[in-house]
Every structure is written in structure tokens, then in C-alpha cells.
N, C-alpha and C. Protein backbone atom coordinates (compact mmCIF):
# COMPACT_ATOMS: atom_id res chain seq x y z
N MET A 1 69.13 84.43 8.78
CA MET A 1 68.39 83.87 7.36
C MET A 1 68.80 84.61 6.45
N THR A 2 69.50 84.18 5.55
CA THR A 2 69.80 85.08 4.50
C THR A 2 68.92 84.72 2.96
N PHE A 3 68.20 85.21 1.85
CA PHE A 3 68.24 84.51 0.79
C PHE A 3 68.91 84.64 -0.49
N LYS A 4 69.12 83.73 -1.04
CA LYS A 4 70.02 84.04 -1.91
C LYS A 4 69.09 84.17 -3.18
N LYS A 5 69.31 85.75 -3.84
CA LYS A 5 68.56 85.85 -5.16
C LYS A 5 68.83 84.85 -6.37
N GLU A 6 67.97 84.17 -6.86
CA GLU A 6 68.35 83.35 -7.96
C GLU A 6 68.50 84.11 -9.39
N SER A 7 69.68 83.97 -9.92
CA SER A 7 69.59 85.06 -11.31
C SER A 7 69.24 84.07 -12.80
N LYS A 8 68.11 85.03 -13.24
CA LYS A 8 67.77 84.20 -14.21
C LYS A 8 68.82 84.36 -15.52
N ARG A 9 68.83 83.21 -16.26
CA ARG A 9 69.88 83.08 -17.41
C ARG A 9 69.08 83.18 -18.30
N CYS A 10 69.54 83.68 -19.40
CA CYS A 10 69.13 83.45 -20.94
C CYS A 10 68.98 81.89 -21.59
N TYR A 11 67.88 81.91 -22.25
CA TYR A 11 67.49 80.27 -22.32
C TYR A 11 68.33 80.10 -23.11
N LYS A 12 68.80 80.83 -24.49
CA LYS A 12 69.94 80.52 -25.45
C LYS A 12 71.08 80.60 -25.14
N CYS A 13 71.61 81.68 -24.62
CA CYS A 13 73.26 81.43 -24.35
C CYS A 13 73.67 81.71 -22.87
N ASN A 14 72.62 81.52 -22.05
CA ASN A 14 73.14 81.16 -20.62
C ASN A 14 73.61 82.75 -19.99
N THR A 15 73.55 83.44 -20.52
CA THR A 15 73.87 84.68 -20.01
C THR A 15 73.16 85.38 -18.96
N LYS A 16 73.97 85.80 -17.72
CA LYS A 16 72.72 86.52 -17.00
C LYS A 16 72.30 87.41 -17.37
N LEU A 17 71.03 87.54 -16.87
CA LEU A 17 69.83 88.61 -17.55
C LEU A 17 69.94 89.72 -16.99
N LYS A 18 69.79 90.56 -17.56
CA LYS A 18 69.76 92.37 -16.91
C LYS A 18 68.43 92.76 -16.94
N HIS A 19 67.81 93.14 -15.54
CA HIS A 19 66.58 94.01 -15.54
C HIS A 19 66.54 95.42 -15.42
N TYR A 20 65.64 95.73 -16.36
CA TYR A 20 65.58 97.73 -16.24
C TYR A 20 64.13 97.53 -15.58
N ALA A 21 63.57 99.04 -15.03
CA ALA A 21 62.65 98.99 -14.96
C ALA A 21 61.79 99.87 -16.06
N GLY A 22 60.44 99.20 -16.23
CA GLY A 22 59.74 99.61 -17.77
C GLY A 22 60.31 98.71 -18.96
N VAL A 23 61.33 97.96 -18.90
CA VAL A 23 61.88 97.01 -20.05
C VAL A 23 61.76 96.17 -19.76
N GLY A 24 62.42 95.49 -18.29
CA GLY A 24 62.17 94.08 -18.02
C GLY A 24 63.50 93.49 -18.28
N ASP A 25 63.41 92.17 -18.34
CA ASP A 25 64.65 91.46 -18.30
C ASP A 25 65.09 91.32 -19.67
N PHE A 26 66.40 91.56 -20.01
CA PHE A 26 66.91 91.26 -21.56
C PHE A 26 68.22 90.71 -21.42
N CYS A 27 68.84 89.60 -22.29
CA CYS A 27 70.07 89.63 -22.56
C CYS A 27 71.06 90.62 -22.99
N PRO A 28 71.92 90.92 -22.44
CA PRO A 28 72.92 91.97 -22.59
C PRO A 28 73.99 91.64 -23.97
N ASN A 29 73.97 89.94 -24.09
CA ASN A 29 75.04 89.83 -25.00
C ASN A 29 74.23 89.92 -26.35
N THR A 30 75.30 90.78 -26.86
CA THR A 30 74.74 91.16 -28.15
C THR A 30 74.88 90.48 -29.16
N LYS A 31 75.33 88.96 -29.09
CA LYS A 31 75.47 88.03 -30.58
C LYS A 31 74.33 87.22 -30.10
N CYS A 32 73.76 87.15 -29.44
CA CYS A 32 72.53 86.43 -29.10
C CYS A 32 71.33 87.03 -29.29
N ASP A 33 70.39 86.42 -30.40
CA ASP A 33 69.12 86.68 -30.96
C ASP A 33 67.99 86.76 -30.05
N ALA A 34 68.23 86.12 -29.12
CA ALA A 34 66.63 86.48 -27.77
C ALA A 34 66.84 87.78 -27.05
N ILE A 35 66.83 88.77 -28.01
CA ILE A 35 66.60 89.93 -27.13
C ILE A 35 65.55 90.34 -26.00
N ASP A 36 64.52 90.22 -26.73
CA ASP A 36 63.26 90.66 -26.38
C ASP A 36 62.58 89.32 -25.38
N ASN A 37 62.80 88.16 -25.84
CA ASN A 37 62.21 86.69 -25.37
C ASN A 37 62.96 85.97 -25.00
N VAL A 38 63.88 86.74 -23.86
CA VAL A 38 64.80 85.82 -22.56
C VAL A 38 63.87 84.57 -22.20
N ASN A 39 62.87 84.64 -22.15
CA ASN A 39 62.37 83.28 -20.91
C ASN A 39 61.86 82.11 -22.03
N GLY A 40 62.19 81.79 -23.10
CA GLY A 40 61.75 80.88 -24.00
C GLY A 40 60.29 80.44 -24.15
N PHE A 41 59.69 81.58 -24.32
CA PHE A 41 58.11 81.57 -24.99
C PHE A 41 57.89 82.52 -25.63
N ASP A 42 56.87 82.40 -26.54
CA ASP A 42 56.75 83.22 -27.25
C ASP A 42 55.34 83.67 -27.07
N ASP A 43 55.24 84.97 -26.53
CA ASP A 43 53.45 85.76 -26.04
C ASP A 43 53.17 86.86 -26.91
N SER A 44 53.79 86.87 -27.75
CA SER A 44 53.96 88.08 -28.40
C SER A 44 52.53 88.20 -29.44
N PHE A 45 52.28 89.09 -29.70
CA PHE A 45 50.95 89.28 -30.53
C PHE A 45 51.53 89.20 -31.97
N VAL A 46 52.60 89.89 -32.19
CA VAL A 46 53.12 89.87 -33.62
C VAL A 46 53.67 88.59 -33.96
N SER A 47 54.04 87.58 -32.97
CA SER A 47 54.86 86.55 -33.35
C SER A 47 54.12 85.41 -33.85
N ARG A 48 52.64 85.52 -33.59
CA ARG A 48 51.59 84.46 -34.64
C ARG A 48 51.17 85.17 -35.75
N PHE A 49 51.91 85.98 -36.10
CA PHE A 49 51.37 86.28 -37.55
C PHE A 49 52.86 86.31 -37.94
N LYS A 50 53.67 85.91 -37.64
CA LYS A 50 55.08 86.15 -38.43
C LYS A 50 55.44 85.69 -40.01
N ASN A 51 54.73 84.65 -39.54
CA ASN A 51 54.77 83.83 -41.42
C ASN A 51 53.68 84.16 -42.34
N LYS A 52 52.82 84.81 -41.72
CA LYS A 52 51.52 85.22 -42.23
C LYS A 52 51.29 86.17 -43.62
N GLY A 53 52.74 86.82 -43.97
CA GLY A 53 52.81 87.65 -44.80
C GLY A 53 53.29 86.96 -46.08
N GLU A 54 54.01 85.75 -45.83
CA GLU A 54 54.23 84.83 -46.52
C GLU A 54 52.92 83.91 -47.51
N GLU A 55 52.59 83.83 -46.29
CA GLU A 55 50.98 82.81 -46.97
C GLU A 55 50.05 83.91 -47.51
N LEU A 56 49.95 85.16 -47.27
CA LEU A 56 49.51 86.16 -48.17
C LEU A 56 49.60 86.52 -49.29
N VAL A 57 51.14 86.21 -49.70
CA VAL A 57 51.88 86.52 -51.07
C VAL A 57 51.47 85.33 -51.86
N ARG A 58 51.59 84.16 -51.30
CA ARG A 58 50.95 83.14 -51.96
C ARG A 58 49.84 82.83 -52.31
N LEU A 59 48.86 83.54 -51.43
CA LEU A 59 47.29 83.54 -51.74
C LEU A 59 46.96 84.63 -52.69
N ILE A 60 47.67 85.42 -52.75
CA ILE A 60 47.74 86.40 -53.75
C ILE A 60 47.82 85.85 -54.97
N LYS A 61 49.28 85.13 -55.16
CA LYS A 61 49.70 84.95 -56.26
C LYS A 61 48.67 83.68 -57.01
N GLN A 62 48.27 82.95 -55.92
CA GLN A 62 47.45 81.55 -56.57
C GLN A 62 45.94 82.67 -57.12
N ALA A 63 45.23 83.66 -56.46
CA ALA A 63 44.33 84.55 -57.20
C ALA A 63 44.54 84.91 -58.27
N PHE A 64 45.75 85.68 -58.42
CA PHE A 64 46.46 86.17 -59.73
C PHE A 64 46.05 85.04 -60.75
N ASN A 65 46.77 84.04 -60.40
CA ASN A 65 46.83 82.70 -61.60
C ASN A 65 45.44 82.28 -62.05
N ILE A 66 44.23 82.08 -61.37
CA ILE A 66 43.04 81.90 -61.47
C ILE A 66 42.74 82.82 -62.32
N ALA A 67 42.82 84.23 -61.67
CA ALA A 67 42.08 84.95 -62.77
C ALA A 67 42.49 85.26 -64.15
N VAL A 68 43.94 84.93 -64.02
CA VAL A 68 44.34 85.32 -65.38
C VAL A 68 43.86 84.10 -66.20
N THR A 69 43.52 82.98 -65.92
CA THR A 69 42.97 81.64 -66.34
C THR A 69 41.65 81.61 -66.72
N VAL A 70 40.82 82.16 -65.73
CA VAL A 70 39.57 82.97 -66.44
C VAL A 70 39.35 83.57 -67.49
N VAL A 71 40.64 84.78 -67.36
CA VAL A 71 40.29 85.52 -68.52
C VAL A 71 40.70 85.26 -69.90
N LEU A 72 41.53 84.61 -69.85
CA LEU A 72 42.18 83.63 -70.95
C LEU A 72 41.25 82.73 -71.40
N SER A 73 40.53 82.08 -70.72
CA SER A 73 39.68 81.32 -71.05
C SER A 73 38.43 81.76 -71.91
N PHE A 74 38.07 83.08 -71.55
CA PHE A 74 36.85 83.58 -71.77
C PHE A 74 37.46 84.42 -73.57
N LEU A 75 38.53 84.68 -73.42
CA LEU A 75 39.13 85.14 -74.36
C LEU A 75 39.39 84.30 -75.58
N PHE A 76 39.40 83.18 -75.15
CA PHE A 76 39.67 82.09 -76.00
C PHE A 76 38.50 81.51 -76.55
N ILE A 77 37.29 81.19 -75.68
CA ILE A 77 35.91 81.16 -76.00
C ILE A 77 35.36 82.18 -77.09
N VAL A 78 35.64 83.40 -76.86
CA VAL A 78 35.20 84.46 -77.50
C VAL A 78 35.66 84.64 -78.77
N GLY A 79 37.01 83.68 -78.98
CA GLY A 79 37.97 84.29 -80.28
C GLY A 79 37.26 83.10 -81.26
N ILE A 80 36.75 81.92 -80.56
CA ILE A 80 36.15 80.52 -81.37
C ILE A 80 34.69 81.47 -81.60
N LEU A 81 33.75 81.74 -81.23
CA LEU A 81 32.89 82.14 -81.67
C LEU A 81 33.03 83.66 -82.56
N ALA A 82 33.96 84.31 -82.66
CA ALA A 82 34.10 85.21 -83.55
C ALA A 82 34.43 84.34 -84.89
N PHE A 83 35.39 83.34 -84.37
CA PHE A 83 35.73 82.77 -86.12
C PHE A 83 34.77 82.09 -86.39
N CYS A 84 33.72 81.26 -85.57
CA CYS A 84 32.69 80.19 -85.88
C CYS A 84 31.83 81.82 -86.97
N TYR A 85 31.55 83.05 -86.28
CA TYR A 85 30.77 83.78 -86.97
C TYR A 85 31.49 84.15 -88.33
N CYS A 86 32.20 84.35 -88.29
CA CYS A 86 33.25 84.60 -89.64
C CYS A 86 32.90 83.50 -90.61
N LEU A 87 32.77 82.66 -90.19
CA LEU A 87 32.98 81.55 -91.21
C LEU A 87 31.47 81.50 -91.50
N PHE A 88 30.40 81.27 -90.35
CA PHE A 88 29.04 81.42 -91.00
C PHE A 88 28.51 82.49 -92.01
N VAL A 89 29.63 83.82 -91.83
CA VAL A 89 29.08 84.79 -92.87
C VAL A 89 29.36 84.57 -94.26
N ILE A 90 30.58 84.08 -94.22
CA ILE A 90 31.42 83.41 -95.29
C ILE A 90 30.21 82.29 -96.18
N TYR A 91 29.98 81.27 -95.38
CA TYR A 91 29.08 80.53 -95.93
C TYR A 91 27.95 80.96 -96.60
N ILE A 92 27.61 81.92 -95.71
CA ILE A 92 25.97 82.66 -96.31
C ILE A 92 26.13 83.66 -97.69
N GLU A 93 27.35 84.00 -97.82
CA GLU A 93 27.91 84.79 -98.59
C GLU A 93 28.03 84.10 -99.91
N ILE A 94 28.75 82.66 -100.13
CA ILE A 94 28.88 82.07 -100.64
C ILE A 94 27.44 81.31 -101.61
N ILE A 95 26.60 80.68 -100.40
CA ILE A 95 25.37 80.22 -100.72
C ILE A 95 24.26 81.54 -101.18
N SER A 96 24.31 82.61 -101.21
CA SER A 96 23.82 83.44 -101.91
C SER A 96 24.18 83.88 -103.01
N GLN A 97 25.60 83.75 -103.30
CA GLN A 97 26.33 83.89 -104.81
C GLN A 97 25.89 82.65 -105.67
N PHE A 98 25.99 81.88 -105.14
CA PHE A 98 25.51 81.00 -105.63
C PHE A 98 24.06 80.61 -106.13
N PHE A 99 22.83 80.94 -105.54
CA PHE A 99 22.01 81.12 -105.81
C PHE A 99 21.34 82.41 -106.85
N ARG A 100 22.40 83.16 -106.86
CA ARG A 100 22.13 84.80 -107.63
C ARG A 100 22.73 83.88 -109.22
N ILE A 101 23.57 82.97 -109.14
CA ILE A 101 24.20 82.65 -110.50
C ILE A 101 23.34 81.75 -111.18
N VAL A 102 22.45 81.16 -110.31
CA VAL A 102 21.73 80.01 -111.03
C VAL A 102 20.24 80.51 -111.23
């Protein structure tokens, strides 16, 4: 009785996989992009965070936009208050000049 060893094949290009000790199965086809993940499932730690960099950049841009909006709003309010103060000082000066004349 002989057992025929079933050869594993790459799930993307159907090439017969090679196996090396310490490395494991890999696809020898250089044009195939399933270099490390030849079994068709993704269990690597890094792959879970593959698109997190893009999300982080988006969140940083959003936080920056909010911060700029808050700062500009604050400066606008301070500018309006400074303008009102200047008008008040001019008004007081005009009133004081009026009462000096009379």
C-alpha cells in the first residue's frame, strides 16, 4: 500500500508550492503576489492594521482642521471685541470733548 502525498498548490496561481524548513510553504512563482500567504487566509498581525495608516492620516487631518477652525474663531471674536473696545474709547473721547466745550 502506497500513499500518494498530495501536493499543495497556491490559491492564486495554482503553482505547486515549495516547502523549506524554517520558512514553510511558499509560492515559487515570481509573478504571483501570494509570497507568504499561500494558503488563502490572512492571519498575520500586520495585516489587521494594513489600512490603519490611512485612517490615522485622515483623523490627524480632521483634528487639524478642527483646531484651525477653533483658533480662527477665537481670533475673530477677539478681533470683534478689540474693535468694539476701540469704538467705545472713541465714543467716550467724543463725549468728553463735547462736555468740555459746553
